[in-house]
Amino acid sequence: MIHIVRTWFNRYFSDPEAVLLFFVLMLGFGLVAVIGEILAPVLASIVIAYLLDWIIVHLQPLKVPRLVAVILVFVGFLSLLLMSFLLFLPLLWKEVIALFSNLPTMLIRGQQLILELVTRFPQFVTQEQVNTFATQLLTDAHNSAKTVLSVSWSSITAIITAVVYLVLVPLLVFFFLKDRDKLVQWVVGFLPHKRGVLSQVAAEVNSQIGNYIRGKVVEILVVAFATYCVFWYFNLQYAVLLAALVGISVLIPYVGAIVITMPVLLVSYFQWGWGSQFGYFTLVYLIVQGLDANILVPLLFAEAVNLHPVAIVVATLFFGGIWGFWGVFFAIPLATLVKAVLNAWPKASHK
């Protein structure tokens, strides 16, 4: 047994570059696992810098100096951010309050629907079970509504934290863009000169992450805008809120689209009930979801993602369970990192 373990270890860890790659990976994962919450503004800044740097790179062939390009792109980014906060967030918050205010009424209608089903199919669920379940739901709904609509010290703390992030993130983005080469050289300075495998993995993952982040942001915006147009055409309640949630749902491959469809269809049912309006709306909404899955995603990620669906789902569950939102967002790039490491890992000849 010891001989088998020693042979395996010598095969995969006899190369110094393999040890270096393993050490860098463990250090990176360890830092994110231990102080990932503290580094959240840095991670967000890196994501935004990836997006904006792509624009800067495409401006340089037009003979625009990098510093000028950085300033132009950064000012444009701040302008869009300010417009979003002034126009989008107040409307979104208004719809959140309206939804939670109407949630008890929706639950009562849902209870009535379930009671009708119990009357038709009494062999599956008893009325007593439905009443108990509905009472618990109403209690939870009232408590949730009070939590959302009330202002507490914890919410004030969260607001202060958000304001600090709003200052820190743009500042970090600017310096990441302005001093990109200096920062990269500073990090590289801590590494050994012989790092061919690490450089190969870094180059592949850097390209994959950049393509993935840009593609994912484009997908979120396109899906959110398309679904909002559908909701606006059908005059669906809470259109902005639901469209934003549908856009965010694309962060979780496969599962997100299924999960977000349930509240969308429930809201449409509570607004129109069974009928042609509900049927037409459901059909158009499912067409938008189908276009996203079968046309938009292959178009955006044909080169960025070359993973089996099972690998994507497992990566989403694994990294999401470890790092929450950021784990879900970076699940596919991290899975690509694992694949790149396995492909590039130096192996000694087996004897």
Protein backbone atom coordinates (compact mmCIF):
# COMPACT_ATOMS: atom_id res chain seq x y z
CA MET A 1 0.00 0.00 0.00
CA ILE A 2 2.81 2.39 0.93
CA HIS A 3 4.57 1.56 -2.34
CA ILE A 4 1.42 2.40 -4.32
CA VAL A 5 1.02 5.76 -2.56
CA ARG A 6 4.71 6.56 -3.00
CA THR A 7 4.57 5.69 -6.72
CA TRP A 8 1.48 7.89 -7.19
CA PHE A 9 3.08 10.77 -5.28
CA ASN A 10 6.32 10.54 -7.25
CA ARG A 11 4.42 10.49 -10.51
CA TYR A 12 2.38 13.62 -9.87
CA PHE A 13 4.54 15.64 -7.45
CA SER A 14 8.11 14.91 -8.46
CA ASP A 15 8.18 17.90 -10.81
CA PRO A 16 8.94 21.20 -8.98
CA GLU A 17 6.47 23.02 -11.24
CA ALA A 18 3.71 20.67 -10.08
CA VAL A 19 4.52 21.53 -6.46
CA LEU A 20 4.50 25.25 -7.31
CA LEU A 21 1.15 24.95 -9.06
CA PHE A 22 -0.32 23.00 -6.14
CA PHE A 23 0.96 25.56 -3.62
CA VAL A 24 -0.45 28.53 -5.57
CA LEU A 25 -3.84 26.82 -5.93
CA MET A 26 -4.04 25.93 -2.24
CA LEU A 27 -3.00 29.45 -1.24
CA GLY A 28 -5.65 31.00 -3.48
CA PHE A 29 -8.43 28.69 -2.35
CA GLY A 30 -7.39 29.10 1.28
CA LEU A 31 -7.44 32.90 1.15
CA VAL A 32 -10.90 32.96 -0.45
CA ALA A 33 -12.23 30.36 1.99
CA VAL A 34 -10.91 32.13 5.10
CA ILE A 35 -11.31 35.82 4.23
CA GLY A 36 -13.58 35.61 1.19
CA GLU A 37 -16.24 37.81 2.79
CA ILE A 38 -13.67 40.50 3.54
CA LEU A 39 -12.38 40.29 -0.04
CA ALA A 40 -15.86 40.67 -1.54
CA PRO A 41 -15.24 44.29 -2.71
CA VAL A 42 -11.95 43.19 -4.27
CA LEU A 43 -13.62 40.30 -6.10
CA ALA A 44 -16.39 42.58 -7.36
CA SER A 45 -13.79 45.11 -8.50
CA ILE A 46 -11.84 42.43 -10.38
CA VAL A 47 -15.00 41.32 -12.18
CA ILE A 48 -15.86 44.87 -13.21
CA ALA A 49 -12.25 45.56 -14.21
CA TYR A 50 -12.32 42.49 -16.47
CA LEU A 51 -15.37 43.90 -18.23
CA LEU A 52 -14.03 47.42 -18.61
CA ASP A 53 -10.51 46.41 -19.59
CA TRP A 54 -11.89 44.66 -22.66
CA ILE A 55 -13.29 48.02 -23.82
CA ILE A 56 -9.98 49.77 -23.09
CA VAL A 57 -8.03 47.19 -25.10
CA HIS A 58 -10.30 47.80 -28.09
CA LEU A 59 -9.80 51.57 -27.81
CA GLN A 60 -6.02 51.39 -27.98
CA PRO A 61 -5.85 50.44 -31.71
CA LEU A 62 -7.59 53.80 -32.28
CA LYS A 63 -4.42 55.49 -30.96
CA VAL A 64 -6.09 56.38 -27.66
CA PRO A 65 -3.49 56.40 -24.83
CA ARG A 66 -4.27 53.85 -22.15
CA LEU A 67 -4.60 56.45 -19.36
CA VAL A 68 -7.08 58.47 -21.45
CA ALA A 69 -8.98 55.30 -22.34
CA VAL A 70 -9.09 54.31 -18.65
CA ILE A 71 -10.48 57.72 -17.66
CA LEU A 72 -13.11 57.71 -20.44
CA VAL A 73 -14.29 54.17 -19.69
CA PHE A 74 -14.26 54.74 -15.93
CA VAL A 75 -16.32 57.94 -16.20
CA GLY A 76 -18.78 56.12 -18.44
CA PHE A 77 -18.99 53.28 -15.90
CA LEU A 78 -19.67 55.72 -13.04
CA SER A 79 -22.34 57.49 -15.10
CA LEU A 80 -24.15 54.22 -15.83
CA LEU A 81 -23.86 53.19 -12.19
CA LEU A 82 -25.31 56.50 -11.01
CA MET A 83 -28.17 56.32 -13.50
CA SER A 84 -28.97 52.78 -12.40
CA PHE A 85 -29.18 53.79 -8.76
CA LEU A 86 -31.28 56.87 -9.43
CA LEU A 87 -33.71 55.30 -11.90
CA PHE A 88 -33.75 51.55 -11.31
CA LEU A 89 -33.33 50.94 -7.57
CA PRO A 90 -36.23 53.15 -6.34
CA LEU A 91 -38.63 51.41 -8.74
CA LEU A 92 -37.29 48.01 -7.76
CA TRP A 93 -37.67 48.75 -4.04
CA LYS A 94 -41.20 50.01 -4.60
CA GLU A 95 -42.17 46.74 -6.27
CA VAL A 96 -40.52 44.70 -3.50
CA ILE A 97 -42.63 46.52 -0.89
CA ALA A 98 -45.79 46.08 -2.99
CA LEU A 99 -45.11 42.36 -3.44
CA PHE A 100 -44.60 41.70 0.26
CA SER A 101 -47.65 43.79 1.10
CA ASN A 102 -49.82 41.69 -1.25
CA LEU A 103 -48.22 38.37 -0.31
CA PRO A 104 -50.86 37.41 2.32
CA THR A 105 -53.64 37.99 -0.23
CA MET A 106 -51.80 35.83 -2.76
CA LEU A 107 -51.40 33.07 -0.20
CA ILE A 108 -55.12 33.14 0.59
CA ARG A 109 -55.90 32.72 -3.11
CA GLY A 110 -53.36 29.94 -3.27
CA GLN A 111 -55.06 28.26 -0.33
CA GLN A 112 -58.39 28.46 -2.12
CA LEU A 113 -56.85 26.87 -5.20
CA ILE A 114 -55.40 24.03 -3.13
CA LEU A 115 -58.76 23.49 -1.41
CA GLU A 116 -60.40 23.13 -4.81
CA LEU A 117 -57.82 20.51 -5.71
CA VAL A 118 -58.44 18.72 -2.40
CA THR A 119 -62.14 18.63 -3.16
CA ARG A 120 -61.43 17.01 -6.51
CA PHE A 121 -58.66 14.68 -5.29
CA PRO A 122 -59.30 13.93 -1.59
CA GLN A 123 -57.30 10.69 -1.73
CA PHE A 124 -53.98 12.58 -1.94
CA VAL A 125 -54.27 15.43 0.60
CA THR A 126 -56.69 16.04 3.46
CA GLN A 127 -58.25 19.41 4.17
CA GLU A 128 -56.75 19.46 7.65
CA GLN A 129 -53.25 19.17 6.20
CA VAL A 130 -53.96 22.02 3.79
CA ASN A 131 -55.29 24.26 6.58
CA THR A 132 -52.22 23.61 8.74
CA PHE A 133 -49.86 24.27 5.85
CA ALA A 134 -51.72 27.44 4.81
CA THR A 135 -51.73 28.81 8.38
CA GLN A 136 -48.00 28.32 8.64
CA LEU A 137 -47.48 30.00 5.26
CA LEU A 138 -49.56 33.01 6.26
CA THR A 139 -47.62 33.37 9.51
CA ASP A 140 -44.31 33.19 7.66
CA ALA A 141 -45.56 35.69 5.07
CA HIS A 142 -46.60 38.21 7.72
CA ASN A 143 -43.26 37.83 9.48
CA SER A 144 -41.33 38.21 6.21
CA ALA A 145 -43.32 41.29 5.26
CA LYS A 146 -42.63 42.89 8.65
CA THR A 147 -38.93 42.10 8.30
CA VAL A 148 -38.70 43.65 4.84
CA LEU A 149 -40.78 46.71 5.60
CA SER A 150 -39.21 47.48 8.97
CA VAL A 151 -35.94 49.31 9.55
CA SER A 152 -33.66 47.88 12.22
CA TRP A 153 -30.13 48.49 13.38
CA SER A 154 -28.94 45.53 11.32
CA SER A 155 -30.50 47.02 8.18
CA ILE A 156 -28.86 50.37 8.94
CA THR A 157 -25.53 48.58 9.30
CA ALA A 158 -26.12 46.85 5.97
CA ILE A 159 -26.88 50.21 4.35
CA ILE A 160 -23.68 51.71 5.74
CA THR A 161 -21.72 48.70 4.47
CA ALA A 162 -23.29 49.09 1.03
CA VAL A 163 -22.36 52.77 0.96
CA VAL A 164 -18.75 51.92 1.88
CA TYR A 165 -18.69 49.32 -0.91
CA LEU A 166 -20.04 51.90 -3.34
CA VAL A 167 -17.01 54.04 -2.56
CA LEU A 168 -14.41 51.26 -2.39
CA VAL A 169 -15.41 49.28 -5.47
CA PRO A 170 -15.17 52.16 -8.02
CA LEU A 171 -11.87 53.24 -6.43
CA LEU A 172 -10.44 49.72 -6.71
CA VAL A 173 -11.74 49.36 -10.27
CA PHE A 174 -9.95 52.56 -11.30
CA PHE A 175 -6.60 51.43 -9.88
CA PHE A 176 -6.99 47.90 -11.28
CA LEU A 177 -7.47 49.45 -14.73
CA LYS A 178 -4.81 52.15 -14.39
CA ASP A 179 -2.07 50.00 -12.84
CA ARG A 180 -2.97 46.62 -14.33
CA ASP A 181 0.53 45.86 -15.63
CA LYS A 182 2.23 47.03 -12.42
CA LEU A 183 -0.04 44.87 -10.26
CA VAL A 184 0.52 41.82 -12.44
CA GLN A 185 4.29 42.32 -12.36
CA TRP A 186 4.19 42.74 -8.58
CA VAL A 187 2.36 39.42 -8.13
CA VAL A 188 4.60 37.65 -10.64
CA GLY A 189 7.65 38.92 -8.77
CA PHE A 190 6.88 36.54 -5.90
CA LEU A 191 6.95 33.49 -8.19
CA PRO A 192 9.98 31.48 -9.34
CA HIS A 193 11.39 32.18 -12.81
CA LYS A 194 10.67 28.63 -13.95
CA ARG A 195 6.87 28.51 -14.00
CA GLY A 196 5.93 27.25 -17.46
CA VAL A 197 3.02 25.09 -16.28
CA LEU A 198 1.65 27.82 -14.01
CA SER A 199 1.89 30.37 -16.85
CA GLN A 200 0.11 27.97 -19.21
CA VAL A 201 -2.75 27.42 -16.77
CA ALA A 202 -2.95 31.14 -15.92
CA ALA A 203 -3.12 32.16 -19.59
CA GLU A 204 -5.88 29.65 -20.37
CA VAL A 205 -7.93 30.46 -17.28
CA ASN A 206 -7.46 34.22 -17.77
CA SER A 207 -8.92 33.97 -21.27
CA GLN A 208 -11.75 31.70 -20.12
CA ILE A 209 -12.70 33.88 -17.14
CA GLY A 210 -12.66 37.06 -19.22
CA ASN A 211 -14.87 35.52 -21.91
CA TYR A 212 -17.18 33.99 -19.32
CA ILE A 213 -17.67 37.18 -17.30
CA ARG A 214 -18.37 39.28 -20.39
CA GLY A 215 -20.72 36.64 -21.79
CA LYS A 216 -22.55 36.19 -18.50
CA VAL A 217 -23.12 39.93 -18.02
CA VAL A 218 -24.40 40.22 -21.59
CA GLU A 219 -26.71 37.25 -21.00
CA ILE A 220 -28.07 38.77 -17.77
CA LEU A 221 -28.82 42.10 -19.48
CA VAL A 222 -30.35 40.53 -22.61
CA VAL A 223 -32.53 38.06 -20.69
CA ALA A 224 -33.66 40.70 -18.18
CA PHE A 225 -34.53 43.17 -20.95
CA ALA A 226 -36.32 40.56 -23.08
CA THR A 227 -38.40 39.27 -20.18
CA TYR A 228 -39.21 42.82 -19.07
CA CYS A 229 -40.50 43.55 -22.57
CA VAL A 230 -42.73 40.47 -22.32
CA PHE A 231 -43.94 41.43 -18.83
CA TRP A 232 -44.57 45.02 -19.93
CA TYR A 233 -46.53 43.90 -23.01
CA PHE A 234 -48.78 41.67 -20.90
CA ASN A 235 -48.94 44.33 -18.15
CA LEU A 236 -47.72 41.87 -15.52
CA GLN A 237 -47.44 43.13 -11.95
CA TYR A 238 -43.95 43.56 -10.46
CA ALA A 239 -42.47 43.51 -13.97
CA VAL A 240 -39.17 45.20 -13.04
CA LEU A 241 -38.58 42.99 -9.99
CA LEU A 242 -39.43 39.75 -11.78
CA ALA A 243 -37.37 40.68 -14.86
CA ALA A 244 -34.37 41.44 -12.64
CA LEU A 245 -34.77 38.09 -10.88
CA VAL A 246 -35.04 36.26 -14.21
CA GLY A 247 -31.85 37.96 -15.35
CA ILE A 248 -30.01 37.03 -12.16
CA SER A 249 -31.29 33.44 -12.41
CA VAL A 250 -28.99 32.77 -15.39
CA LEU A 251 -26.09 32.76 -12.92
CA ILE A 252 -27.20 29.26 -11.89
CA PRO A 253 -27.16 27.08 -15.02
CA TYR A 254 -30.25 24.93 -15.64
CA VAL A 255 -31.56 25.18 -12.06
CA GLY A 256 -32.00 28.97 -12.04
CA ALA A 257 -34.43 29.00 -14.99
CA ILE A 258 -36.60 26.30 -13.38
CA VAL A 259 -36.66 27.95 -9.96
CA ILE A 260 -37.51 31.47 -11.21
CA THR A 261 -40.29 30.18 -13.49
CA MET A 262 -42.37 29.17 -10.49
CA PRO A 263 -42.84 32.67 -8.96
CA VAL A 264 -43.32 34.20 -12.42
CA LEU A 265 -46.15 31.80 -13.24
CA LEU A 266 -47.64 32.16 -9.75
CA VAL A 267 -47.77 35.96 -10.02
CA SER A 268 -49.35 35.70 -13.48
CA TYR A 269 -51.93 33.21 -12.17
CA PHE A 270 -52.84 35.42 -9.20
CA GLN A 271 -53.24 38.35 -11.58
CA TRP A 272 -55.28 36.66 -14.35
CA GLY A 273 -56.31 33.22 -13.07
CA TRP A 274 -56.78 30.36 -15.49
CA GLY A 275 -57.59 31.58 -18.99
CA SER A 276 -56.27 32.59 -22.36
CA GLN A 277 -54.22 35.53 -20.99
CA PHE A 278 -52.36 33.22 -18.63
CA GLY A 279 -51.82 30.67 -21.41
CA TYR A 280 -50.48 33.20 -23.92
CA PHE A 281 -48.19 34.73 -21.32
CA THR A 282 -46.81 31.34 -20.27
CA LEU A 283 -46.15 30.39 -23.89
CA VAL A 284 -44.26 33.60 -24.70
CA TYR A 285 -42.27 33.44 -21.46
CA LEU A 286 -41.22 29.84 -22.12
CA ILE A 287 -40.21 30.81 -25.67
CA VAL A 288 -37.88 33.49 -24.25
CA GLN A 289 -36.35 30.94 -21.89
CA GLY A 290 -35.93 28.49 -24.76
CA LEU A 291 -34.23 31.11 -26.93
CA ASP A 292 -31.84 31.89 -24.10
CA ALA A 293 -30.91 28.24 -23.54
CA ASN A 294 -30.68 27.17 -27.18
CA ILE A 295 -29.45 30.27 -29.03
CA LEU A 296 -28.04 32.95 -26.71
CA VAL A 297 -26.01 30.68 -24.42
CA PRO A 298 -24.32 28.70 -27.25
CA LEU A 299 -23.62 31.99 -29.05
CA LEU A 300 -22.01 33.65 -26.04
CA PHE A 301 -20.22 30.69 -24.49
CA ALA A 302 -19.32 28.48 -27.44
CA GLU A 303 -15.62 29.19 -26.90
CA ALA A 304 -15.67 30.07 -23.20
CA VAL A 305 -17.31 26.92 -21.86
CA ASN A 306 -16.39 23.43 -22.99
CA LEU A 307 -17.72 21.41 -20.07
CA HIS A 308 -20.22 18.61 -19.70
CA PRO A 309 -23.58 19.67 -18.15
CA VAL A 310 -22.98 17.30 -15.23
CA ALA A 311 -19.65 19.01 -14.52
CA ILE A 312 -21.37 22.42 -14.60
CA VAL A 313 -24.09 21.36 -12.14
CA VAL A 314 -21.59 19.71 -9.78
CA ALA A 315 -19.31 22.77 -9.91
CA THR A 316 -22.26 25.07 -9.16
CA LEU A 317 -23.32 22.99 -6.15
CA PHE A 318 -19.78 22.55 -4.84
CA PHE A 319 -18.41 26.07 -5.20
CA GLY A 320 -21.76 27.67 -4.36
CA GLY A 321 -21.86 25.67 -1.13
CA ILE A 322 -18.37 26.87 -0.23
CA TRP A 323 -18.42 30.53 -1.29
CA GLY A 324 -22.10 31.40 -1.75
CA PHE A 325 -22.88 33.96 -4.48
CA TRP A 326 -19.30 34.25 -5.71
CA GLY A 327 -18.99 30.48 -5.83
CA VAL A 328 -22.09 30.29 -8.03
CA PHE A 329 -20.94 33.16 -10.24
CA PHE A 330 -17.48 31.70 -10.76
CA ALA A 331 -18.55 28.04 -10.78
CA ILE A 332 -17.93 27.56 -14.50
CA PRO A 333 -14.57 29.43 -14.57
CA LEU A 334 -13.46 27.48 -11.50
CA ALA A 335 -14.49 24.22 -13.17
CA THR A 336 -12.52 25.36 -16.21
CA LEU A 337 -9.57 26.04 -13.89
CA VAL A 338 -9.76 22.50 -12.53
CA LYS A 339 -9.91 21.13 -16.06
CA ALA A 340 -6.94 23.27 -17.18
CA VAL A 341 -4.91 22.16 -14.15
CA LEU A 342 -5.63 18.49 -14.79
CA ASN A 343 -4.69 18.84 -18.46
CA ALA A 344 -1.46 20.77 -17.80
CA TRP A 345 -0.32 18.96 -14.64
CA PRO A 346 3.18 17.55 -15.27
CA LYS A 347 3.44 13.80 -14.83
CA ALA A 348 6.60 11.80 -14.40
CA SER A 349 6.94 8.71 -16.54
CA HIS A 350 5.37 5.71 -14.85
CA LYS A 351 7.85 2.97 -14.12
